[in-house]
Every structure is written in C-alpha cells, then in structure tokens.
Amino acid sequence: MKGKYVLSYAAETVSEPILWKLVKEYDIRVNILRAEISPGQEGNLLVEFDVEDERKLATAIEWIESIGVGCVNVAKRLSWNEVLCVDCGACSGVCLSGALTLNRSDWKLAVDRDKCTACGLCVVACPFRCFALDFGE
C-alpha cells in the first residue's frame, strides 16, 4: 500500500531521525518527494510511504503525531472547488504527476488525489482559483 503524506515539523523536531525510525522500526519504505525544512526552523516534508501492513502504517502515524509532528494524507491537503470549475484544462496542462486530466470524451476535469504530489502548480495555473493546498495544522 502506498500513500503520500505531508509531515509538518516544528523547530524542536527538525533534527530528530524520524524517517530512519520509520524504516528501521516500522518497516516502511520512504520516498522523499519534496522538502522545505531548515535546521532550527519549522517546515514540511512531502513523502510517499510504501508499506505492506496497514496496521504498521497506522501505528507509525500515531507515533509521528505523538512526538509533535503533523502527518496528513496529501489527498486531504488538495481542495478543488468543482462548482467554480469550468473544465478549461489549464491545470491539467501543468500537472506533471497526472493527477489532473481532461477527459476528451466529455471535456470534464478528473482529479485523482492519489497521484497528487502537492506541487502547487494547479493552484497557480487555475484562472478561477478552484484549487488550494493547505499545509497549516
């Protein structure tokens, strides 16, 4: 099972070996997709977790949150206002992950949050401001 998560670090947890512990103790394969962290400052880390046992992932997420690090699935971070969307396709043209596609048979936008890497390009590209990424806790 794979999933993308945003880890939100506070200044006091930036230097902790969190990813090492996830690999070593919880048997989770970690792929770092994007990082915005500086030593001594807070930041965000976009990671993909790959695990065979969902219970281990749930236990690991509980541990992450118990040490003061936020852990939220990326699908919960991307919001799309479908009512405002006119299916123009501007967002799909910049979406490198393939999370946003324009179906050519009915010209409707399809959003696959599982493919989203939270790059934010859709937020900038959408002329109607239909997309938002929430990285705050």
N, C-alpha and C. Protein backbone atom coordinates (compact mmCIF):
# COMPACT_ATOMS: atom_id res chain seq x y z
N MET A 1 0.84 -1.17 0.00
CA MET A 1 0.00 0.00 0.00
C MET A 1 0.88 1.24 0.00
N LYS A 2 0.59 2.16 -0.90
CA LYS A 2 1.35 3.41 -0.97
C LYS A 2 0.43 4.57 -0.65
N GLY A 3 1.02 5.62 -0.07
CA GLY A 3 0.28 6.83 0.21
C GLY A 3 1.24 7.99 0.36
N LYS A 4 0.77 9.16 -0.03
CA LYS A 4 1.59 10.37 0.10
C LYS A 4 1.11 11.17 1.30
N TYR A 5 2.07 11.64 2.09
CA TYR A 5 1.76 12.36 3.32
C TYR A 5 2.62 13.61 3.43
N VAL A 6 2.06 14.61 4.08
CA VAL A 6 2.81 15.81 4.41
C VAL A 6 3.12 15.72 5.90
N LEU A 7 4.42 15.76 6.22
CA LEU A 7 4.87 15.80 7.61
C LEU A 7 5.18 17.24 7.93
N SER A 8 4.54 17.77 8.97
CA SER A 8 4.75 19.16 9.38
C SER A 8 5.59 19.17 10.65
N TYR A 9 6.82 19.67 10.52
CA TYR A 9 7.79 19.68 11.60
C TYR A 9 7.79 21.01 12.34
N ALA A 10 7.89 20.94 13.66
CA ALA A 10 8.14 22.13 14.46
C ALA A 10 9.65 22.26 14.61
N ALA A 11 10.11 23.42 15.03
CA ALA A 11 11.55 23.69 15.15
C ALA A 11 12.26 22.66 16.03
N GLU A 12 11.63 22.22 17.09
CA GLU A 12 12.29 21.29 18.01
C GLU A 12 12.37 19.86 17.50
N THR A 13 11.67 19.52 16.45
CA THR A 13 11.72 18.15 15.94
C THR A 13 12.46 18.01 14.62
N VAL A 14 12.96 19.09 14.06
CA VAL A 14 13.64 19.03 12.76
C VAL A 14 14.86 18.12 12.79
N SER A 15 15.59 18.09 13.88
CA SER A 15 16.83 17.31 13.93
C SER A 15 16.61 15.86 14.38
N GLU A 16 15.38 15.46 14.64
CA GLU A 16 15.10 14.08 15.05
C GLU A 16 15.19 13.13 13.85
N PRO A 17 15.72 11.91 14.04
CA PRO A 17 15.83 10.94 12.94
C PRO A 17 14.51 10.18 12.71
N ILE A 18 13.49 10.90 12.35
CA ILE A 18 12.15 10.32 12.23
C ILE A 18 12.06 9.32 11.08
N LEU A 19 12.56 9.69 9.92
CA LEU A 19 12.47 8.79 8.76
C LEU A 19 13.27 7.51 8.99
N TRP A 20 14.41 7.63 9.66
CA TRP A 20 15.21 6.45 9.97
C TRP A 20 14.40 5.48 10.82
N LYS A 21 13.70 6.00 11.83
CA LYS A 21 12.91 5.15 12.71
C LYS A 21 11.75 4.50 11.95
N LEU A 22 11.14 5.22 11.03
CA LEU A 22 10.05 4.64 10.23
C LEU A 22 10.54 3.44 9.42
N VAL A 23 11.73 3.57 8.86
CA VAL A 23 12.30 2.48 8.06
C VAL A 23 12.71 1.32 8.97
N LYS A 24 13.44 1.63 10.01
CA LYS A 24 14.03 0.60 10.88
C LYS A 24 13.00 -0.12 11.76
N GLU A 25 12.13 0.64 12.42
CA GLU A 25 11.23 0.03 13.41
C GLU A 25 9.85 -0.33 12.87
N TYR A 26 9.40 0.37 11.83
CA TYR A 26 8.05 0.12 11.32
C TYR A 26 8.04 -0.53 9.94
N ASP A 27 9.23 -0.76 9.37
CA ASP A 27 9.37 -1.43 8.08
C ASP A 27 8.60 -0.69 6.97
N ILE A 28 8.73 0.64 6.98
CA ILE A 28 8.07 1.46 5.98
C ILE A 28 9.12 1.98 5.00
N ARG A 29 8.88 1.79 3.72
CA ARG A 29 9.77 2.34 2.70
C ARG A 29 9.35 3.80 2.49
N VAL A 30 10.32 4.69 2.55
CA VAL A 30 10.04 6.12 2.49
C VAL A 30 10.70 6.72 1.25
N ASN A 31 9.91 7.44 0.48
CA ASN A 31 10.42 8.16 -0.68
C ASN A 31 10.15 9.65 -0.44
N ILE A 32 11.21 10.45 -0.35
CA ILE A 32 11.04 11.88 -0.13
C ILE A 32 10.77 12.54 -1.47
N LEU A 33 9.61 13.19 -1.59
CA LEU A 33 9.21 13.84 -2.84
C LEU A 33 9.52 15.33 -2.85
N ARG A 34 9.42 15.96 -1.68
CA ARG A 34 9.72 17.39 -1.58
C ARG A 34 9.99 17.72 -0.12
N ALA A 35 10.93 18.63 0.12
CA ALA A 35 11.26 19.02 1.49
C ALA A 35 11.44 20.52 1.57
N GLU A 36 10.89 21.09 2.63
CA GLU A 36 11.05 22.51 2.93
C GLU A 36 11.36 22.63 4.41
N ILE A 37 12.58 22.24 4.79
CA ILE A 37 12.96 22.22 6.19
C ILE A 37 14.37 22.79 6.33
N SER A 38 14.55 23.64 7.32
CA SER A 38 15.87 24.17 7.65
C SER A 38 16.14 23.84 9.12
N PRO A 39 17.38 23.47 9.46
CA PRO A 39 17.69 23.18 10.86
C PRO A 39 17.32 24.37 11.76
N GLY A 40 16.63 24.05 12.84
CA GLY A 40 16.24 25.09 13.79
C GLY A 40 15.00 25.85 13.40
N GLN A 41 14.36 25.44 12.28
CA GLN A 41 13.14 26.10 11.83
C GLN A 41 12.09 25.05 11.54
N GLU A 42 10.83 25.46 11.46
CA GLU A 42 9.78 24.51 11.12
C GLU A 42 9.72 24.32 9.62
N GLY A 43 9.05 23.27 9.19
CA GLY A 43 8.96 23.04 7.77
C GLY A 43 8.02 21.89 7.44
N ASN A 44 7.97 21.54 6.17
CA ASN A 44 7.11 20.47 5.67
C ASN A 44 7.93 19.50 4.83
N LEU A 45 7.52 18.26 4.87
CA LEU A 45 8.18 17.22 4.11
C LEU A 45 7.09 16.41 3.42
N LEU A 46 7.15 16.32 2.10
CA LEU A 46 6.22 15.51 1.34
C LEU A 46 6.89 14.17 1.09
N VAL A 47 6.27 13.10 1.59
CA VAL A 47 6.85 11.77 1.47
C VAL A 47 5.81 10.79 0.93
N GLU A 48 6.32 9.75 0.33
CA GLU A 48 5.47 8.63 -0.06
C GLU A 48 5.86 7.46 0.83
N PHE A 49 4.88 6.91 1.54
CA PHE A 49 5.10 5.74 2.37
C PHE A 49 4.62 4.52 1.61
N ASP A 50 5.42 3.47 1.61
CA ASP A 50 5.06 2.21 0.99
C ASP A 50 5.20 1.14 2.07
N VAL A 51 4.09 0.50 2.39
CA VAL A 51 4.09 -0.48 3.48
C VAL A 51 3.18 -1.64 3.10
N GLU A 52 3.52 -2.81 3.56
CA GLU A 52 2.71 -3.98 3.25
C GLU A 52 1.62 -4.21 4.28
N ASP A 53 1.85 -3.78 5.52
CA ASP A 53 0.91 -3.99 6.61
C ASP A 53 0.32 -2.65 7.03
N GLU A 54 -0.97 -2.44 6.74
CA GLU A 54 -1.61 -1.16 7.06
C GLU A 54 -1.59 -0.86 8.56
N ARG A 55 -1.57 -1.90 9.38
CA ARG A 55 -1.52 -1.68 10.83
C ARG A 55 -0.20 -1.03 11.24
N LYS A 56 0.89 -1.42 10.59
CA LYS A 56 2.18 -0.80 10.89
C LYS A 56 2.16 0.68 10.52
N LEU A 57 1.52 1.01 9.41
CA LEU A 57 1.42 2.40 9.00
C LEU A 57 0.60 3.20 10.01
N ALA A 58 -0.51 2.65 10.44
CA ALA A 58 -1.35 3.34 11.42
C ALA A 58 -0.59 3.56 12.73
N THR A 59 0.16 2.55 13.17
CA THR A 59 0.95 2.67 14.39
C THR A 59 2.06 3.71 14.22
N ALA A 60 2.68 3.71 13.05
CA ALA A 60 3.75 4.68 12.78
C ALA A 60 3.20 6.11 12.77
N ILE A 61 2.05 6.31 12.17
CA ILE A 61 1.44 7.64 12.13
C ILE A 61 1.08 8.10 13.54
N GLU A 62 0.58 7.19 14.36
CA GLU A 62 0.31 7.54 15.76
C GLU A 62 1.58 7.99 16.47
N TRP A 63 2.68 7.27 16.23
CA TRP A 63 3.97 7.63 16.85
C TRP A 63 4.43 9.00 16.35
N ILE A 64 4.34 9.23 15.05
CA ILE A 64 4.76 10.52 14.47
C ILE A 64 4.01 11.66 15.15
N GLU A 65 2.70 11.51 15.27
CA GLU A 65 1.89 12.57 15.87
C GLU A 65 2.17 12.71 17.37
N SER A 66 2.54 11.61 18.04
CA SER A 66 2.82 11.67 19.48
C SER A 66 4.08 12.47 19.79
N ILE A 67 4.99 12.59 18.82
CA ILE A 67 6.21 13.37 19.07
C ILE A 67 6.07 14.81 18.56
N GLY A 68 4.87 15.18 18.16
CA GLY A 68 4.61 16.57 17.77
C GLY A 68 4.79 16.88 16.30
N VAL A 69 4.85 15.87 15.46
CA VAL A 69 4.97 16.07 14.02
C VAL A 69 3.60 15.80 13.39
N GLY A 70 3.09 16.76 12.63
CA GLY A 70 1.83 16.55 11.94
C GLY A 70 2.01 15.60 10.78
N CYS A 71 1.02 14.76 10.54
CA CYS A 71 1.08 13.79 9.44
C CYS A 71 -0.30 13.70 8.82
N VAL A 72 -0.43 14.25 7.60
CA VAL A 72 -1.73 14.27 6.94
C VAL A 72 -1.58 13.75 5.51
N ASN A 73 -2.51 12.93 5.12
CA ASN A 73 -2.53 12.40 3.75
C ASN A 73 -2.67 13.57 2.77
N VAL A 74 -1.91 13.55 1.69
CA VAL A 74 -1.94 14.63 0.69
C VAL A 74 -3.34 14.81 0.13
N ALA A 75 -4.08 13.73 -0.02
CA ALA A 75 -5.43 13.84 -0.57
C ALA A 75 -6.28 14.77 0.26
N LYS A 76 -5.99 14.90 1.54
CA LYS A 76 -6.73 15.80 2.41
C LYS A 76 -6.22 17.23 2.30
N ARG A 77 -5.08 17.44 1.68
CA ARG A 77 -4.49 18.77 1.54
C ARG A 77 -4.93 19.49 0.28
N LEU A 78 -5.26 18.75 -0.76
CA LEU A 78 -5.68 19.36 -2.03
C LEU A 78 -7.19 19.55 -2.01
N SER A 79 -7.61 20.79 -2.14
CA SER A 79 -9.05 21.03 -2.26
C SER A 79 -9.34 21.57 -3.66
N TRP A 80 -10.47 21.15 -4.19
CA TRP A 80 -10.88 21.52 -5.54
C TRP A 80 -12.34 21.95 -5.47
N ASN A 81 -12.61 23.15 -5.88
CA ASN A 81 -13.98 23.66 -5.91
C ASN A 81 -14.58 23.32 -7.27
N GLU A 82 -15.26 22.20 -7.31
CA GLU A 82 -15.82 21.69 -8.56
C GLU A 82 -16.92 22.60 -9.10
N VAL A 83 -17.59 23.33 -8.22
CA VAL A 83 -18.68 24.22 -8.63
C VAL A 83 -18.12 25.39 -9.45
N LEU A 84 -16.98 25.94 -9.04
CA LEU A 84 -16.37 27.06 -9.77
C LEU A 84 -15.67 26.63 -11.05
N CYS A 85 -15.30 25.35 -11.12
CA CYS A 85 -14.51 24.85 -12.25
C CYS A 85 -15.33 24.85 -13.54
N VAL A 86 -14.71 25.38 -14.61
CA VAL A 86 -15.36 25.39 -15.93
C VAL A 86 -14.71 24.37 -16.87
N ASP A 87 -13.86 23.50 -16.32
CA ASP A 87 -13.21 22.44 -17.10
C ASP A 87 -12.38 22.99 -18.27
N CYS A 88 -11.66 24.08 -18.01
CA CYS A 88 -10.86 24.69 -19.08
C CYS A 88 -9.58 23.91 -19.38
N GLY A 89 -9.10 23.14 -18.39
CA GLY A 89 -7.90 22.34 -18.61
C GLY A 89 -6.59 23.04 -18.35
N ALA A 90 -6.60 24.28 -17.90
CA ALA A 90 -5.35 25.00 -17.62
C ALA A 90 -4.53 24.27 -16.57
N CYS A 91 -5.19 23.70 -15.60
CA CYS A 91 -4.49 22.98 -14.52
C CYS A 91 -3.89 21.68 -15.02
N SER A 92 -4.61 20.96 -15.88
CA SER A 92 -4.12 19.67 -16.36
C SER A 92 -2.88 19.84 -17.23
N GLY A 93 -2.75 20.98 -17.86
CA GLY A 93 -1.58 21.24 -18.70
C GLY A 93 -0.29 21.39 -17.92
N VAL A 94 -0.39 21.75 -16.64
CA VAL A 94 0.82 21.93 -15.82
C VAL A 94 1.01 20.81 -14.81
N CYS A 95 0.06 19.90 -14.71
CA CYS A 95 0.12 18.83 -13.70
C CYS A 95 1.06 17.72 -14.18
N LEU A 96 2.27 17.72 -13.64
CA LEU A 96 3.28 16.74 -14.06
C LEU A 96 3.02 15.34 -13.51
N SER A 97 2.26 15.25 -12.41
CA SER A 97 2.02 13.94 -11.79
C SER A 97 0.88 13.17 -12.45
N GLY A 98 0.08 13.85 -13.27
CA GLY A 98 -1.06 13.21 -13.90
C GLY A 98 -2.28 13.12 -13.01
N ALA A 99 -2.28 13.88 -11.92
CA ALA A 99 -3.43 13.89 -11.01
C ALA A 99 -4.62 14.63 -11.60
N LEU A 100 -4.36 15.55 -12.51
CA LEU A 100 -5.42 16.33 -13.15
C LEU A 100 -5.41 16.03 -14.64
N THR A 101 -6.52 15.51 -15.13
CA THR A 101 -6.63 15.18 -16.55
C THR A 101 -7.96 15.67 -17.08
N LEU A 102 -7.95 16.02 -18.33
CA LEU A 102 -9.17 16.47 -19.00
C LEU A 102 -9.64 15.33 -19.88
N ASN A 103 -10.79 14.77 -19.56
CA ASN A 103 -11.36 13.67 -20.32
C ASN A 103 -11.84 14.21 -21.66
N ARG A 104 -11.27 13.72 -22.73
CA ARG A 104 -11.58 14.26 -24.06
C ARG A 104 -12.93 13.81 -24.61
N SER A 105 -13.52 12.81 -24.00
CA SER A 105 -14.83 12.37 -24.49
C SER A 105 -15.96 13.29 -24.02
N ASP A 106 -15.86 13.80 -22.77
CA ASP A 106 -16.91 14.70 -22.28
C ASP A 106 -16.36 16.06 -21.84
N TRP A 107 -15.06 16.27 -21.99
CA TRP A 107 -14.39 17.53 -21.66
C TRP A 107 -14.59 17.94 -20.20
N LYS A 108 -14.58 16.94 -19.31
CA LYS A 108 -14.70 17.19 -17.87
C LYS A 108 -13.35 16.92 -17.21
N LEU A 109 -13.03 17.74 -16.23
CA LEU A 109 -11.79 17.58 -15.48
C LEU A 109 -11.92 16.44 -14.49
N ALA A 110 -10.92 15.58 -14.44
CA ALA A 110 -10.87 14.49 -13.47
C ALA A 110 -9.72 14.75 -12.51
N VAL A 111 -9.98 14.61 -11.22
CA VAL A 111 -8.97 14.84 -10.18
C VAL A 111 -8.70 13.52 -9.46
N ASP A 112 -7.45 13.05 -9.55
CA ASP A 112 -7.03 11.83 -8.86
C ASP A 112 -6.06 12.23 -7.75
N ARG A 113 -6.59 12.41 -6.54
CA ARG A 113 -5.79 12.90 -5.41
C ARG A 113 -4.67 11.92 -5.03
N ASP A 114 -4.81 10.65 -5.36
CA ASP A 114 -3.76 9.68 -5.05
C ASP A 114 -2.49 9.94 -5.86
N LYS A 115 -2.60 10.55 -7.00
CA LYS A 115 -1.43 10.87 -7.83
C LYS A 115 -0.82 12.22 -7.49
N CYS A 116 -1.54 13.05 -6.75
CA CYS A 116 -1.09 14.41 -6.43
C CYS A 116 0.21 14.40 -5.63
N THR A 117 1.14 15.26 -6.01
CA THR A 117 2.38 15.43 -5.26
C THR A 117 2.44 16.77 -4.55
N ALA A 118 1.34 17.47 -4.49
CA ALA A 118 1.22 18.75 -3.78
C ALA A 118 2.26 19.77 -4.25
N CYS A 119 2.50 19.81 -5.55
CA CYS A 119 3.49 20.75 -6.11
C CYS A 119 2.96 22.17 -6.15
N GLY A 120 1.64 22.33 -6.23
CA GLY A 120 1.04 23.65 -6.24
C GLY A 120 0.91 24.30 -7.60
N LEU A 121 1.33 23.63 -8.65
CA LEU A 121 1.24 24.22 -9.98
C LEU A 121 -0.20 24.47 -10.42
N CYS A 122 -1.12 23.61 -10.00
CA CYS A 122 -2.52 23.80 -10.36
C CYS A 122 -3.10 25.04 -9.69
N VAL A 123 -2.65 25.32 -8.49
CA VAL A 123 -3.13 26.50 -7.76
C VAL A 123 -2.79 27.76 -8.54
N VAL A 124 -1.59 27.81 -9.07
CA VAL A 124 -1.12 28.97 -9.83
C VAL A 124 -1.77 29.04 -11.20
N ALA A 125 -1.96 27.89 -11.84
CA ALA A 125 -2.46 27.85 -13.22
C ALA A 125 -3.95 28.11 -13.35
N CYS A 126 -4.72 27.81 -12.34
CA CYS A 126 -6.18 27.91 -12.46
C CYS A 126 -6.63 29.38 -12.45
N PRO A 127 -7.24 29.84 -13.56
CA PRO A 127 -7.68 31.23 -13.62
C PRO A 127 -8.89 31.52 -12.72
N PHE A 128 -9.56 30.47 -12.26
CA PHE A 128 -10.75 30.65 -11.43
C PHE A 128 -10.50 30.33 -9.96
N ARG A 129 -9.24 30.04 -9.62
CA ARG A 129 -8.82 29.74 -8.23
C ARG A 129 -9.63 28.60 -7.63
N CYS A 130 -9.75 27.54 -8.40
CA CYS A 130 -10.53 26.38 -7.95
C CYS A 130 -9.72 25.45 -7.05
N PHE A 131 -8.40 25.61 -7.02
CA PHE A 131 -7.55 24.71 -6.25
C PHE A 131 -6.88 25.44 -5.10
N ALA A 132 -6.65 24.70 -4.02
CA ALA A 132 -5.91 25.21 -2.88
C ALA A 132 -5.18 24.05 -2.21
N LEU A 133 -4.02 24.35 -1.67
CA LEU A 133 -3.27 23.38 -0.87
C LEU A 133 -3.14 23.94 0.54
N ASP A 134 -3.53 23.15 1.51
CA ASP A 134 -3.47 23.58 2.89
C ASP A 134 -2.33 22.84 3.58
N PHE A 135 -1.29 23.58 3.98
CA PHE A 135 -0.16 22.97 4.70
C PHE A 135 -0.12 23.38 6.15
N GLY A 136 -1.10 24.15 6.61
CA GLY A 136 -1.14 24.54 8.01
C GLY A 136 -1.78 23.46 8.85
N GLU A 137 -1.50 23.49 10.13
CA GLU A 137 -2.12 22.49 11.03
C GLU A 137 -3.30 23.08 11.72
